[in-house]
Amino acid sequence: MLRADGLSFSFFPALSLSLSLQLWEAQKIKQAIIHPDTGEKIFMPFRMSGYIPFGTPVVVGLLLPNQTLLSTVFWQWLNQSHNACVNYSNRNASQPTSGSKFLQGYLGAVTSAVSIAVGLSVFVQKAERFSPATRLLVQRFIPFPAVASANVCNVVLMRYSELKEGISVLDDQGTVVGTSQVAARHAILETAMTRMVLPMPILVLPPIVMTFLERLPLLQRRPRLVLPVHSLVCLAAFSLALPLAISLFPQQSQIHVSLLEPEIAAATDCKIVTYNKGL
C-alpha cells in the first residue's frame, strides 16, 4: 500500500531494521577495538580479534618437530611475550598500572614459561626408556602442559596489581560503587581458566591430526607440503579454540554483593553488581 507521498508503508520498518543492523555491527566493531575501561584503541596484534592471525605463526613454531633447546626457548619466549601483551592490553584497567609493574609481570611470566618448557623438554630427552618414535611423539605434546601452566602464571603476574588494588564494580545504572579485591580475584580466576582451555585444542589436536596426515602417500612423496598443511591444521584448531575459550565467561561478569567486601554491600541497594573481567 502506498501513502499519498508515494512511499510504501513497509519502507519504514525496513529502514528501521537496516539501521538496527548497522548499529549492531558498529557496536561489535567498537567492542573489538576499544578498551571498555580506558576508551582507547587496543593495538591490533593484541586485540582478541587479532589473536588468531598474529598467534597462528607462533603456534606453528611451537609444534615443529625435532626442536632444539634454543628453538624451544625462542618459541616459548615469543609466545609468552605475545600473551603478556594480550593480557595487559585486555586487562581490567579501572585502576592505573605503572610501567614497572608491567615489566615485572612480563619478566616473571616469560621466565616461568621458558623454565617449564625447557624443563619438560630436557626430561623427555633424558628419558632412556622412551623409543625414538615415542620420544618424538611426546615432544610434540610438550607444548600443551608448558603453555597451559605458563598461561596461568602469565595472567596472574601481568594482572597482579588488580589483586592488590582491586577493580571497580558497578551497579545496574553503570555507576561505580566501589573497588573490590574479591571481584579482582574472580576476574583473574575466570581469565586464567580461559587461558587453560584455549591451548588445549590448539596444541593437542594438530599433533594428533599430523601424525595421521604424515603417513599419507602425498605428504611422504612431497615433504615440503608438511609445513603448509601443518599451518592450516593449526589455523583451523585456533579458529575453533578461541571462541570456545572466550565464551566460557562473559567479559562483563556479575557477582552478588554478599560475596564482596562489607563496604561495597553498604554502598548500594543492588543485590548484583557488574565488573569487567577482561579477556
Protein backbone atom coordinates (compact mmCIF):
# COMPACT_ATOMS: atom_id res chain seq x y z
CA MET A 1 0.00 0.00 0.00
CA LEU A 2 1.23 3.50 -0.88
CA ARG A 3 0.89 6.68 1.11
CA ALA A 4 -0.13 9.96 -0.53
CA ASP A 5 3.54 10.92 -0.90
CA GLY A 6 4.23 7.69 -2.80
CA LEU A 7 6.20 5.90 -0.02
CA SER A 8 5.32 2.35 0.90
CA PHE A 9 4.29 1.71 4.50
CA SER A 10 6.79 -1.19 4.50
CA PHE A 11 9.61 1.26 3.80
CA PHE A 12 9.89 2.48 7.41
CA PRO A 13 10.16 -0.95 9.14
CA ALA A 14 12.77 -1.93 6.56
CA LEU A 15 14.69 1.29 7.21
CA SER A 16 14.49 0.70 10.98
CA LEU A 17 15.79 -2.86 10.57
CA SER A 18 18.66 -1.65 8.38
CA LEU A 19 19.65 1.00 10.93
CA SER A 20 19.47 -1.55 13.76
CA LEU A 21 21.77 -3.93 11.88
CA GLN A 22 24.22 -1.10 11.19
CA LEU A 23 24.21 -0.06 14.86
CA TRP A 24 24.72 -3.67 15.94
CA GLU A 25 27.64 -4.05 13.53
CA ALA A 26 29.15 -0.77 14.75
CA GLN A 27 28.83 -1.91 18.35
CA LYS A 28 30.62 -5.20 17.59
CA ILE A 29 33.45 -3.33 15.88
CA LYS A 30 33.73 -0.88 18.80
CA GLN A 31 33.85 -3.71 21.36
CA ALA A 32 36.56 -5.48 19.34
CA ILE A 33 38.77 -2.38 19.07
CA ILE A 34 38.10 -0.07 22.06
CA HIS A 35 39.06 -0.96 25.64
CA PRO A 36 35.90 -0.72 27.81
CA ASP A 37 37.69 0.95 30.74
CA THR A 38 40.11 3.35 29.06
CA GLY A 39 38.14 4.10 25.89
CA GLU A 40 41.39 3.82 23.92
CA LYS A 41 42.14 1.71 20.86
CA ILE A 42 43.88 -1.60 21.53
CA PHE A 43 46.93 -2.18 19.32
CA MET A 44 45.87 -4.59 16.56
CA PRO A 45 48.20 -7.57 17.34
CA PHE A 46 47.00 -7.55 20.97
CA ARG A 47 43.24 -7.47 20.30
CA MET A 48 41.28 -10.69 20.73
CA SER A 49 40.14 -10.28 17.12
CA GLY A 50 43.83 -10.27 16.14
CA TYR A 51 44.78 -13.25 18.29
CA ILE A 52 44.34 -15.83 15.51
CA PRO A 53 46.19 -14.12 12.62
CA PHE A 54 49.08 -13.00 14.84
CA GLY A 55 49.14 -16.08 17.08
CA THR A 56 48.94 -18.87 14.50
CA PRO A 57 52.56 -18.49 13.25
CA VAL A 58 53.74 -18.81 16.86
CA VAL A 59 51.62 -21.96 17.38
CA VAL A 60 53.12 -23.49 14.24
CA GLY A 61 56.59 -22.76 15.63
CA LEU A 62 55.73 -24.32 19.00
CA LEU A 63 54.59 -27.53 17.33
CA LEU A 64 57.52 -28.00 14.97
CA PRO A 65 59.08 -31.46 15.46
CA ASN A 66 62.70 -32.09 16.46
CA GLN A 67 63.04 -28.85 18.42
CA THR A 68 66.44 -27.89 19.76
CA LEU A 69 66.85 -26.28 23.17
CA LEU A 70 67.44 -22.91 21.53
CA SER A 71 64.35 -23.15 19.31
CA THR A 72 62.21 -24.23 22.29
CA VAL A 73 63.36 -21.19 24.26
CA PHE A 74 62.77 -18.87 21.31
CA TRP A 75 59.20 -20.02 20.52
CA GLN A 76 58.16 -20.12 24.17
CA TRP A 77 59.59 -16.62 24.69
CA LEU A 78 57.78 -15.31 21.60
CA ASN A 79 54.51 -16.99 22.60
CA GLN A 80 54.52 -15.72 26.17
CA SER A 81 55.64 -12.24 25.08
CA HIS A 82 52.59 -12.08 22.81
CA ASN A 83 50.36 -13.49 25.57
CA ALA A 84 51.70 -10.96 28.08
CA CYS A 85 50.86 -8.06 25.79
CA VAL A 86 47.40 -9.50 25.07
CA ASN A 87 46.72 -9.99 28.80
CA TYR A 88 47.89 -6.48 29.62
CA SER A 89 46.00 -4.84 26.75
CA ASN A 90 42.73 -6.61 27.65
CA ARG A 91 43.03 -6.36 31.44
CA ASN A 92 40.64 -4.57 33.77
CA ALA A 93 42.06 -1.04 33.57
CA SER A 94 39.78 0.64 36.10
CA GLN A 95 42.88 1.18 38.27
CA PRO A 96 46.16 2.55 36.84
CA THR A 97 49.14 0.22 36.32
CA SER A 98 52.70 1.53 36.27
CA GLY A 99 55.27 0.58 33.66
CA SER A 100 57.48 -1.03 36.31
CA LYS A 101 54.66 -3.41 37.31
CA PHE A 102 54.14 -4.33 33.66
CA LEU A 103 57.87 -5.08 33.29
CA GLN A 104 57.93 -7.19 36.48
CA GLY A 105 54.91 -9.18 35.32
CA TYR A 106 56.37 -9.67 31.85
CA LEU A 107 59.72 -10.94 33.15
CA GLY A 108 58.03 -13.30 35.61
CA ALA A 109 55.61 -14.66 33.01
CA VAL A 110 58.24 -15.27 30.32
CA THR A 111 60.73 -16.77 32.79
CA SER A 112 58.15 -19.23 34.14
CA ALA A 113 57.03 -20.26 30.64
CA VAL A 114 60.52 -20.88 29.32
CA SER A 115 61.56 -22.71 32.50
CA ILE A 116 58.58 -25.08 32.34
CA ALA A 117 59.00 -25.79 28.63
CA VAL A 118 62.75 -26.33 28.79
CA GLY A 119 62.41 -28.49 31.91
CA LEU A 120 59.89 -30.78 30.23
CA SER A 121 61.97 -30.97 27.04
CA VAL A 122 65.13 -31.94 28.92
CA PHE A 123 63.19 -34.52 30.94
CA VAL A 124 61.87 -36.21 27.79
CA GLN A 125 65.26 -36.13 26.06
CA LYS A 126 66.88 -37.84 29.05
CA ALA A 127 64.14 -40.45 29.45
CA GLU A 128 66.02 -43.51 28.22
CA ARG A 129 63.00 -45.83 28.39
CA PHE A 130 61.35 -43.95 25.50
CA SER A 131 61.99 -45.22 22.00
CA PRO A 132 62.96 -42.56 19.41
CA ALA A 133 59.44 -42.66 17.91
CA THR A 134 57.78 -42.36 21.32
CA ARG A 135 60.13 -39.56 22.33
CA LEU A 136 59.25 -37.62 19.16
CA LEU A 137 55.52 -38.10 19.82
CA VAL A 138 55.82 -36.98 23.45
CA GLN A 139 57.87 -33.95 22.43
CA ARG A 140 55.03 -32.89 20.14
CA PHE A 141 52.66 -32.77 23.14
CA ILE A 142 55.08 -30.98 25.48
CA PRO A 143 53.91 -27.50 24.40
CA PHE A 144 50.42 -28.04 25.87
CA PRO A 145 51.27 -28.54 29.57
CA ALA A 146 54.07 -26.00 29.23
CA VAL A 147 51.88 -23.34 27.63
CA ALA A 148 48.78 -24.05 29.76
CA SER A 149 50.66 -23.73 33.07
CA ALA A 150 52.68 -20.78 31.81
CA ASN A 151 49.50 -19.04 30.60
CA VAL A 152 48.09 -19.14 34.13
CA CYS A 153 51.33 -17.67 35.50
CA ASN A 154 51.22 -15.06 32.75
CA VAL A 155 47.69 -13.90 33.60
CA VAL A 156 48.35 -13.76 37.34
CA LEU A 157 51.66 -11.92 37.02
CA MET A 158 50.52 -9.49 34.33
CA ARG A 159 47.41 -8.58 36.35
CA TYR A 160 48.81 -8.92 39.85
CA SER A 161 48.21 -5.22 40.58
CA GLU A 162 44.46 -5.88 40.32
CA LEU A 163 44.71 -8.38 43.17
CA LYS A 164 46.43 -5.80 45.39
CA GLU A 165 44.41 -2.73 44.46
CA GLY A 166 41.06 -4.23 43.44
CA ILE A 167 38.85 -3.41 40.46
CA SER A 168 35.79 -1.22 40.07
CA VAL A 169 32.33 -2.76 40.47
CA LEU A 170 29.24 -1.09 39.00
CA ASP A 171 25.55 -1.09 39.88
CA ASP A 172 22.72 -1.65 37.39
CA GLN A 173 22.93 2.02 36.34
CA GLY A 174 26.60 1.73 35.42
CA THR A 175 27.73 3.78 38.44
CA VAL A 176 30.91 2.74 40.25
CA VAL A 177 30.00 1.72 43.81
CA GLY A 178 33.47 0.74 44.99
CA THR A 179 36.74 -1.08 44.41
CA SER A 180 36.84 -4.78 45.23
CA GLN A 181 39.73 -7.19 45.64
CA VAL A 182 37.25 -10.09 45.77
CA ALA A 183 35.91 -9.18 42.33
CA ALA A 184 39.51 -8.93 41.11
CA ARG A 185 40.18 -12.49 42.28
CA HIS A 186 37.09 -13.72 40.44
CA ALA A 187 38.10 -11.83 37.30
CA ILE A 188 41.62 -13.25 37.24
CA LEU A 189 40.44 -16.78 38.10
CA GLU A 190 37.94 -16.74 35.23
CA THR A 191 40.53 -15.35 32.82
CA ALA A 192 43.11 -17.94 33.94
CA MET A 193 40.60 -20.73 33.29
CA THR A 194 40.05 -19.50 29.74
CA ARG A 195 43.83 -19.48 29.22
CA MET A 196 43.99 -23.12 30.33
CA VAL A 197 41.23 -24.15 27.93
CA LEU A 198 42.50 -22.06 25.00
CA PRO A 199 45.68 -24.06 24.19
CA MET A 200 44.01 -27.45 24.57
CA PRO A 201 42.56 -27.77 21.04
CA ILE A 202 45.41 -25.70 19.56
CA LEU A 203 48.29 -27.78 20.93
CA VAL A 204 46.64 -31.22 21.26
CA LEU A 205 44.64 -31.63 18.06
CA PRO A 206 47.34 -30.68 15.49
CA PRO A 207 49.89 -33.29 16.70
CA ILE A 208 47.20 -35.99 16.55
CA VAL A 209 45.99 -34.91 13.10
CA MET A 210 49.51 -34.52 11.72
CA THR A 211 50.51 -37.98 12.96
CA PHE A 212 47.91 -39.42 10.58
CA LEU A 213 48.40 -36.94 7.74
CA GLU A 214 52.16 -37.51 7.59
CA ARG A 215 51.51 -41.14 6.76
CA LEU A 216 49.63 -40.20 3.60
CA PRO A 217 51.49 -41.06 0.37
CA LEU A 218 51.11 -37.47 -0.87
CA LEU A 219 52.99 -35.95 2.08
CA GLN A 220 55.57 -38.74 2.05
CA ARG A 221 56.31 -38.05 -1.61
CA ARG A 222 56.27 -34.27 -1.12
CA PRO A 223 57.65 -33.47 2.35
CA ARG A 224 57.68 -29.76 1.51
CA LEU A 225 53.89 -29.81 1.86
CA VAL A 226 54.10 -30.85 5.52
CA LEU A 227 54.69 -27.32 6.87
CA PRO A 228 51.84 -25.67 4.85
CA VAL A 229 49.44 -28.47 5.84
CA HIS A 230 50.61 -28.19 9.45
CA SER A 231 49.94 -24.45 9.37
CA LEU A 232 46.40 -24.94 8.02
CA VAL A 233 45.66 -27.52 10.72
CA CYS A 234 46.91 -25.12 13.41
CA LEU A 235 44.82 -22.29 11.95
CA ALA A 236 41.69 -24.46 12.00
CA ALA A 237 42.34 -25.54 15.60
CA PHE A 238 42.99 -21.92 16.66
CA SER A 239 39.74 -20.79 15.00
CA LEU A 240 37.88 -23.43 17.00
CA ALA A 241 39.62 -22.86 20.33
CA LEU A 242 39.45 -19.07 20.68
CA PRO A 243 35.64 -18.63 20.51
CA LEU A 244 35.23 -21.68 22.75
CA ALA A 245 37.56 -20.33 25.44
CA ILE A 246 36.31 -16.73 25.33
CA SER A 247 32.67 -17.84 25.61
CA LEU A 248 33.23 -19.62 28.94
CA PHE A 249 32.73 -16.38 30.89
CA PRO A 250 31.22 -13.05 29.77
CA GLN A 251 33.57 -10.06 29.70
CA GLN A 252 31.11 -8.06 31.81
CA SER A 253 30.66 -10.52 34.68
CA GLN A 254 28.26 -10.25 37.60
CA ILE A 255 28.65 -11.10 41.27
CA HIS A 256 26.34 -10.96 44.29
CA VAL A 257 27.18 -8.15 46.71
CA SER A 258 27.03 -10.57 49.66
CA LEU A 259 30.26 -12.11 48.34
CA LEU A 260 32.07 -8.76 48.25
CA GLU A 261 33.53 -6.50 50.92
CA PRO A 262 31.03 -5.14 53.51
CA GLU A 263 31.64 -1.52 52.48
CA ILE A 264 30.51 -2.28 48.92
CA ALA A 265 27.34 -4.00 50.13
CA ALA A 266 26.62 -0.95 52.28
CA ALA A 267 27.20 1.46 49.37
CA THR A 268 24.45 0.13 47.07
CA ASP A 269 20.93 -1.24 47.17
CA CYS A 270 21.66 -3.56 44.24
CA LYS A 271 21.91 -7.25 45.01
CA ILE A 272 24.14 -7.94 41.99
CA VAL A 273 26.97 -5.76 40.66
CA THR A 274 28.99 -5.93 37.46
CA TYR A 275 32.74 -5.86 36.79
CA ASN A 276 34.92 -6.02 33.71
CA LYS A 277 36.57 -9.43 33.79
CA GLY A 278 38.90 -8.61 30.94
CA LEU A 279 39.72 -11.02 28.13
